[in-house]
N, C-alpha and C. Protein backbone atom coordinates (compact mmCIF):
# COMPACT_ATOMS: atom_id res chain seq x y z
N UNK A 1 -110.06 -14.05 74.59
CA UNK A 1 -108.82 -13.52 74.13
C UNK A 1 -107.77 -14.70 73.53
N UNK A 2 -107.48 -13.89 71.91
CA UNK A 2 -106.81 -14.87 71.56
C UNK A 2 -105.72 -14.18 70.93
N UNK A 3 -104.46 -14.76 70.66
CA UNK A 3 -103.26 -14.24 70.43
C UNK A 3 -102.51 -14.70 69.70
N UNK A 4 -102.19 -14.48 68.76
CA UNK A 4 -101.61 -14.69 67.39
C UNK A 4 -100.11 -14.35 67.17
N UNK A 5 -99.25 -15.45 67.00
CA UNK A 5 -97.78 -14.87 66.54
C UNK A 5 -97.30 -14.78 65.09
N UNK A 6 -97.69 -13.14 64.78
CA UNK A 6 -97.43 -13.08 63.69
C UNK A 6 -95.70 -12.77 63.20
N UNK A 7 -94.57 -13.61 63.94
CA UNK A 7 -93.54 -13.42 63.71
C UNK A 7 -93.29 -14.67 63.25
N UNK A 8 -91.84 -15.03 63.02
CA UNK A 8 -91.28 -16.15 62.20
C UNK A 8 -90.80 -16.96 63.74
N UNK A 9 -91.02 -16.41 64.64
CA UNK A 9 -90.18 -16.74 66.06
C UNK A 9 -91.19 -17.18 67.09
N UNK A 10 -90.66 -18.57 67.92
CA UNK A 10 -91.53 -18.88 69.39
C UNK A 10 -91.13 -17.48 69.92
N UNK A 11 -92.60 -17.25 70.98
CA UNK A 11 -92.36 -16.12 71.99
C UNK A 11 -92.57 -16.68 73.28
N UNK A 12 -91.23 -16.68 73.64
CA UNK A 12 -91.17 -17.31 75.39
C UNK A 12 -91.44 -16.25 76.48
N UNK A 13 -92.93 -16.60 76.99
CA UNK A 13 -93.16 -15.85 77.86
C UNK A 13 -92.65 -16.09 79.28
N UNK A 14 -91.60 -15.16 80.08
CA UNK A 14 -90.84 -15.23 81.03
C UNK A 14 -91.53 -14.86 82.77
N UNK A 15 -91.66 -15.17 83.35
CA UNK A 15 -92.48 -14.36 84.80
C UNK A 15 -91.15 -13.55 85.46
N UNK A 16 -91.56 -13.09 86.26
CA UNK A 16 -90.81 -12.00 87.60
C UNK A 16 -89.70 -12.76 87.89
N UNK A 17 -90.22 -14.07 88.10
CA UNK A 17 -89.07 -15.41 88.59
C UNK A 17 -88.28 -16.04 87.95
N UNK A 18 -88.21 -15.73 86.61
CA UNK A 18 -86.96 -15.98 85.52
C UNK A 18 -87.75 -17.48 84.85
N UNK A 19 -89.15 -17.72 85.25
CA UNK A 19 -89.58 -19.04 84.75
C UNK A 19 -90.33 -18.77 83.65
N UNK A 20 -90.28 -19.70 82.78
CA UNK A 20 -90.90 -19.83 81.62
C UNK A 20 -92.73 -20.27 81.59
N UNK A 21 -93.37 -19.30 81.73
CA UNK A 21 -94.39 -19.57 82.10
C UNK A 21 -95.62 -19.86 80.62
N UNK A 22 -95.25 -19.65 79.42
CA UNK A 22 -95.90 -19.90 78.20
C UNK A 22 -95.03 -19.71 77.10
N UNK A 23 -95.14 -20.71 76.34
CA UNK A 23 -94.51 -20.29 74.64
C UNK A 23 -95.42 -20.18 73.50
N UNK A 24 -95.34 -19.14 72.95
CA UNK A 24 -96.48 -18.79 71.87
C UNK A 24 -95.65 -18.90 70.30
N UNK A 25 -96.38 -20.13 69.65
CA UNK A 25 -95.44 -20.29 68.55
C UNK A 25 -96.09 -19.48 67.43
N UNK A 26 -94.90 -19.55 66.43
CA UNK A 26 -95.69 -18.72 65.26
C UNK A 26 -96.63 -19.62 64.33
N UNK A 27 -97.74 -18.67 63.83
CA UNK A 27 -98.68 -18.91 63.41
C UNK A 27 -98.73 -19.52 61.69
N UNK A 28 -97.11 -19.24 61.24
CA UNK A 28 -97.21 -19.99 60.14
C UNK A 28 -97.36 -18.54 58.69
N UNK A 29 -98.09 -17.50 59.72
CA UNK A 29 -98.14 -16.34 58.62
C UNK A 29 -97.20 -15.32 59.27
N UNK A 30 -96.64 -14.83 58.74
CA UNK A 30 -95.51 -13.24 59.17
C UNK A 30 -95.89 -12.19 58.82
N UNK A 31 -95.95 -10.94 59.09
CA UNK A 31 -96.51 -9.64 59.05
C UNK A 31 -95.21 -9.07 58.89
N UNK A 32 -94.94 -8.43 57.52
CA UNK A 32 -93.62 -7.66 57.30
C UNK A 32 -93.73 -6.27 56.58
N UNK A 33 -92.73 -5.42 56.75
CA UNK A 33 -93.04 -4.78 55.73
C UNK A 33 -92.54 -4.83 54.66
N UNK A 34 -92.76 -4.18 53.40
CA UNK A 34 -92.33 -4.21 51.81
C UNK A 34 -90.95 -3.42 52.40
N UNK A 35 -89.67 -3.45 51.63
CA UNK A 35 -88.39 -2.86 51.49
C UNK A 35 -88.26 -2.87 49.95
N UNK A 36 -87.36 -1.70 49.65
CA UNK A 36 -86.96 -1.59 48.38
C UNK A 36 -85.89 -0.79 48.52
N UNK A 37 -84.16 -1.47 48.30
CA UNK A 37 -83.40 -0.63 48.70
C UNK A 37 -82.66 0.13 46.79
N UNK A 38 -82.40 1.32 47.26
CA UNK A 38 -81.77 2.64 46.36
C UNK A 38 -80.47 2.58 46.71
N UNK A 39 -79.76 1.90 45.72
CA UNK A 39 -78.10 2.47 45.46
C UNK A 39 -77.90 4.53 45.57
N UNK A 40 -77.33 4.45 46.73
CA UNK A 40 -76.89 6.01 46.42
C UNK A 40 -75.53 6.21 46.62
N UNK A 41 -74.52 4.85 46.71
CA UNK A 41 -73.39 5.22 46.58
C UNK A 41 -72.50 3.92 46.76
N UNK A 42 -71.39 3.95 47.11
CA UNK A 42 -70.68 2.69 47.21
C UNK A 42 -69.63 3.37 48.08
N UNK A 43 -68.79 1.94 49.05
CA UNK A 43 -67.70 2.46 50.31
C UNK A 43 -67.27 1.37 49.99
N UNK A 44 -66.11 1.50 49.78
CA UNK A 44 -64.79 0.14 49.47
C UNK A 44 -65.49 -0.67 48.65
N UNK A 45 -66.22 -0.54 47.77
CA UNK A 45 -66.39 -1.51 46.32
C UNK A 45 -67.94 -1.75 47.01
N UNK A 46 -68.22 -1.77 48.35
CA UNK A 46 -69.48 -2.16 48.52
C UNK A 46 -70.72 -1.03 48.43
N UNK A 47 -72.10 -1.61 47.82
CA UNK A 47 -72.88 -0.64 47.69
C UNK A 47 -73.23 -0.18 48.75
N UNK A 48 -73.82 1.59 48.94
CA UNK A 48 -74.22 1.87 50.05
C UNK A 48 -76.05 1.82 49.49
N UNK A 49 -76.61 1.66 49.94
CA UNK A 49 -78.39 1.58 49.85
C UNK A 49 -79.24 2.26 50.52
N UNK A 50 -80.26 2.94 50.38
CA UNK A 50 -81.11 3.43 51.17
C UNK A 50 -82.46 2.38 51.37
N UNK A 51 -83.13 2.26 52.18
CA UNK A 51 -84.05 1.35 52.51
C UNK A 51 -85.15 2.10 52.30
N UNK A 52 -86.21 2.07 51.33
CA UNK A 52 -87.76 2.50 51.61
C UNK A 52 -88.30 1.69 51.93
N UNK A 53 -89.31 2.15 52.81
CA UNK A 53 -90.41 0.83 53.58
C UNK A 53 -91.54 1.38 52.90
N UNK A 54 -92.38 0.33 52.66
CA UNK A 54 -93.26 0.38 51.89
C UNK A 54 -94.66 0.08 53.00
N UNK A 55 -95.91 -0.88 52.39
CA UNK A 55 -96.69 -1.29 52.84
C UNK A 55 -96.42 -2.74 53.53
N UNK A 56 -97.06 -2.73 54.73
CA UNK A 56 -97.26 -3.72 55.71
C UNK A 56 -97.86 -4.95 55.29
N UNK A 57 -97.44 -6.04 54.92
CA UNK A 57 -97.79 -7.32 54.19
C UNK A 57 -98.05 -8.24 55.40
N UNK A 58 -99.05 -9.33 54.92
CA UNK A 58 -99.53 -10.02 55.73
C UNK A 58 -100.08 -10.47 57.05
N UNK A 59 -100.88 -8.61 57.21
CA UNK A 59 -101.56 -8.70 58.59
C UNK A 59 -102.87 -8.04 58.78
N UNK A 60 -103.86 -9.85 59.43
CA UNK A 60 -104.91 -9.62 59.17
C UNK A 60 -105.67 -8.28 59.55
N UNK A 61 -107.12 -8.38 59.38
CA UNK A 61 -107.24 -6.98 59.70
C UNK A 61 -108.11 -7.08 61.30
N UNK A 62 -108.36 -6.25 62.00
CA UNK A 62 -108.65 -6.08 63.44
C UNK A 62 -110.03 -6.79 63.80
N UNK A 63 -109.57 -7.77 64.51
CA UNK A 63 -110.39 -8.49 65.26
C UNK A 63 -110.74 -8.30 66.79
N UNK A 64 -112.31 -8.10 67.25
CA UNK A 64 -112.52 -7.92 68.57
C UNK A 64 -111.88 -9.21 69.34
N UNK A 65 -111.31 -8.93 70.29
CA UNK A 65 -110.57 -9.86 71.42
C UNK A 65 -109.76 -11.46 70.67
N UNK A 66 -108.59 -10.13 69.66
CA UNK A 66 -107.62 -11.22 69.23
C UNK A 66 -106.26 -9.96 69.15
N UNK A 67 -105.46 -10.26 69.43
CA UNK A 67 -104.08 -9.45 69.73
C UNK A 67 -103.24 -10.15 68.60
N UNK A 68 -102.14 -9.43 68.22
CA UNK A 68 -101.38 -9.73 66.98
C UNK A 68 -99.90 -9.54 67.58
N UNK A 69 -99.15 -10.71 67.67
CA UNK A 69 -97.66 -10.49 68.17
C UNK A 69 -96.87 -9.97 66.79
N UNK A 70 -96.50 -8.82 66.67
CA UNK A 70 -95.53 -8.68 65.48
C UNK A 70 -94.25 -7.29 65.95
N UNK A 71 -93.45 -7.40 64.78
CA UNK A 71 -91.76 -6.95 65.01
C UNK A 71 -92.48 -5.35 65.53
N UNK A 72 -91.48 -4.79 65.59
CA UNK A 72 -91.21 -3.18 66.20
C UNK A 72 -91.64 -2.60 64.83
N UNK A 73 -91.13 -2.92 63.64
CA UNK A 73 -91.31 -2.11 62.52
C UNK A 73 -92.69 -2.32 62.38
N UNK A 74 -93.20 -3.23 62.55
CA UNK A 74 -94.79 -3.30 61.89
C UNK A 74 -95.36 -2.54 62.93
N UNK A 75 -95.03 -2.69 63.91
CA UNK A 75 -96.37 -1.63 65.01
C UNK A 75 -95.73 -0.30 64.79
N UNK A 76 -94.66 -0.14 64.57
CA UNK A 76 -94.25 1.58 64.41
C UNK A 76 -94.98 1.92 62.83
N UNK A 77 -94.92 1.09 62.33
CA UNK A 77 -95.84 1.47 60.55
C UNK A 77 -97.33 1.62 60.74
N UNK A 78 -97.72 1.08 61.59
CA UNK A 78 -99.33 1.18 62.12
C UNK A 78 -99.79 1.77 63.26
N UNK A 79 -99.77 2.86 63.69
CA UNK A 79 -99.69 3.26 65.18
C UNK A 79 -101.22 3.24 65.66
N UNK A 80 -102.12 3.37 64.13
CA UNK A 80 -103.54 3.62 64.73
C UNK A 80 -104.05 2.05 64.98
N UNK A 81 -103.51 0.97 64.73
CA UNK A 81 -103.70 -0.67 65.13
C UNK A 81 -103.65 -0.51 66.81
N UNK A 82 -104.95 -1.16 67.17
CA UNK A 82 -104.74 -0.87 68.94
C UNK A 82 -104.49 -2.56 69.27
N UNK A 83 -104.27 -3.55 68.20
CA UNK A 83 -104.45 -4.60 68.68
C UNK A 83 -103.22 -5.45 68.29
N UNK A 84 -102.20 -4.28 68.21
CA UNK A 84 -101.10 -5.18 68.24
C UNK A 84 -100.02 -4.77 68.96
N UNK A 85 -99.31 -6.23 69.25
CA UNK A 85 -98.19 -5.70 70.53
C UNK A 85 -96.97 -6.24 69.78
N UNK A 86 -95.74 -5.78 70.63
CA UNK A 86 -94.48 -6.32 70.49
C UNK A 86 -93.44 -6.79 71.59
N UNK A 87 -92.70 -8.08 71.83
CA UNK A 87 -92.41 -8.44 72.68
C UNK A 87 -91.15 -7.56 73.29
N UNK A 88 -91.13 -7.12 74.80
CA UNK A 88 -90.92 -6.22 75.75
C UNK A 88 -90.23 -6.41 76.50
N UNK A 89 -89.46 -6.18 77.59
CA UNK A 89 -88.58 -6.39 78.29
C UNK A 89 -88.26 -7.67 78.34
N UNK A 90 -86.84 -7.32 77.36
CA UNK A 90 -86.51 -9.09 76.87
C UNK A 90 -85.56 -9.55 77.89
N UNK A 91 -85.67 -11.14 77.95
CA UNK A 91 -84.91 -11.79 78.80
C UNK A 91 -83.69 -12.55 77.84
N UNK A 92 -82.57 -12.60 78.73
CA UNK A 92 -81.21 -12.61 77.80
C UNK A 92 -80.91 -14.00 78.97
N UNK A 93 -80.09 -14.88 78.12
CA UNK A 93 -79.18 -15.60 79.08
C UNK A 93 -77.92 -15.48 79.17
N UNK A 94 -77.37 -15.95 79.98
CA UNK A 94 -75.85 -15.50 80.19
C UNK A 94 -75.07 -14.97 79.09
N UNK A 95 -75.35 -15.73 78.03
CA UNK A 95 -74.56 -15.34 76.51
C UNK A 95 -75.18 -14.22 75.93
N UNK A 96 -76.21 -13.60 76.74
CA UNK A 96 -76.81 -12.32 76.28
C UNK A 96 -77.41 -12.53 74.93
N UNK A 97 -78.06 -13.81 74.41
CA UNK A 97 -78.94 -14.13 73.85
C UNK A 97 -80.31 -13.99 74.05
N UNK A 98 -81.52 -13.76 73.54
CA UNK A 98 -82.72 -13.32 74.07
C UNK A 98 -83.37 -14.96 74.04
N UNK A 99 -83.87 -14.71 75.43
CA UNK A 99 -84.77 -16.24 75.44
C UNK A 99 -85.98 -16.36 75.52
N UNK A 100 -86.62 -15.01 75.66
CA UNK A 100 -87.95 -14.38 75.96
C UNK A 100 -87.95 -13.45 76.36
N UNK A 101 -89.73 -12.78 76.77
CA UNK A 101 -89.96 -11.42 77.04
C UNK A 101 -90.77 -11.87 78.61
N UNK A 102 -90.48 -10.49 79.20
CA UNK A 102 -91.38 -10.43 80.27
C UNK A 102 -92.42 -9.69 80.14
N UNK A 103 -92.94 -8.77 78.98
CA UNK A 103 -93.98 -8.03 78.81
C UNK A 103 -94.10 -7.91 77.17
N UNK A 104 -95.05 -7.26 77.36
CA UNK A 104 -95.39 -6.76 76.01
C UNK A 104 -95.56 -5.52 75.96
N UNK A 105 -95.12 -4.92 74.43
CA UNK A 105 -95.13 -3.17 74.12
C UNK A 105 -96.09 -3.16 73.36
N UNK A 106 -97.33 -2.04 73.75
CA UNK A 106 -98.56 -1.59 72.90
C UNK A 106 -98.02 -0.41 72.04
């Protein structure tokens, strides 16, 4: 089995004891959803825009025994893909910054 990180961030895997068990570095390719912004008005001189999401870009075809770590938006856009996971059960430091995850969401 192979796990490929298609996010721009290192993914730290943390066990139940709070210890780092592995880090999955970014692959260099990022899966993203294209977005267009349509101006719908103005608020205090600042444009109000509506985001219109398009196709997922940068996602390889599904391959047996390969899992891809992607953003929640990418996963949500492709519910039929069974090879996509999202970091879950985020672990935070004392300042509230995310330092890793304890699970993956399918």
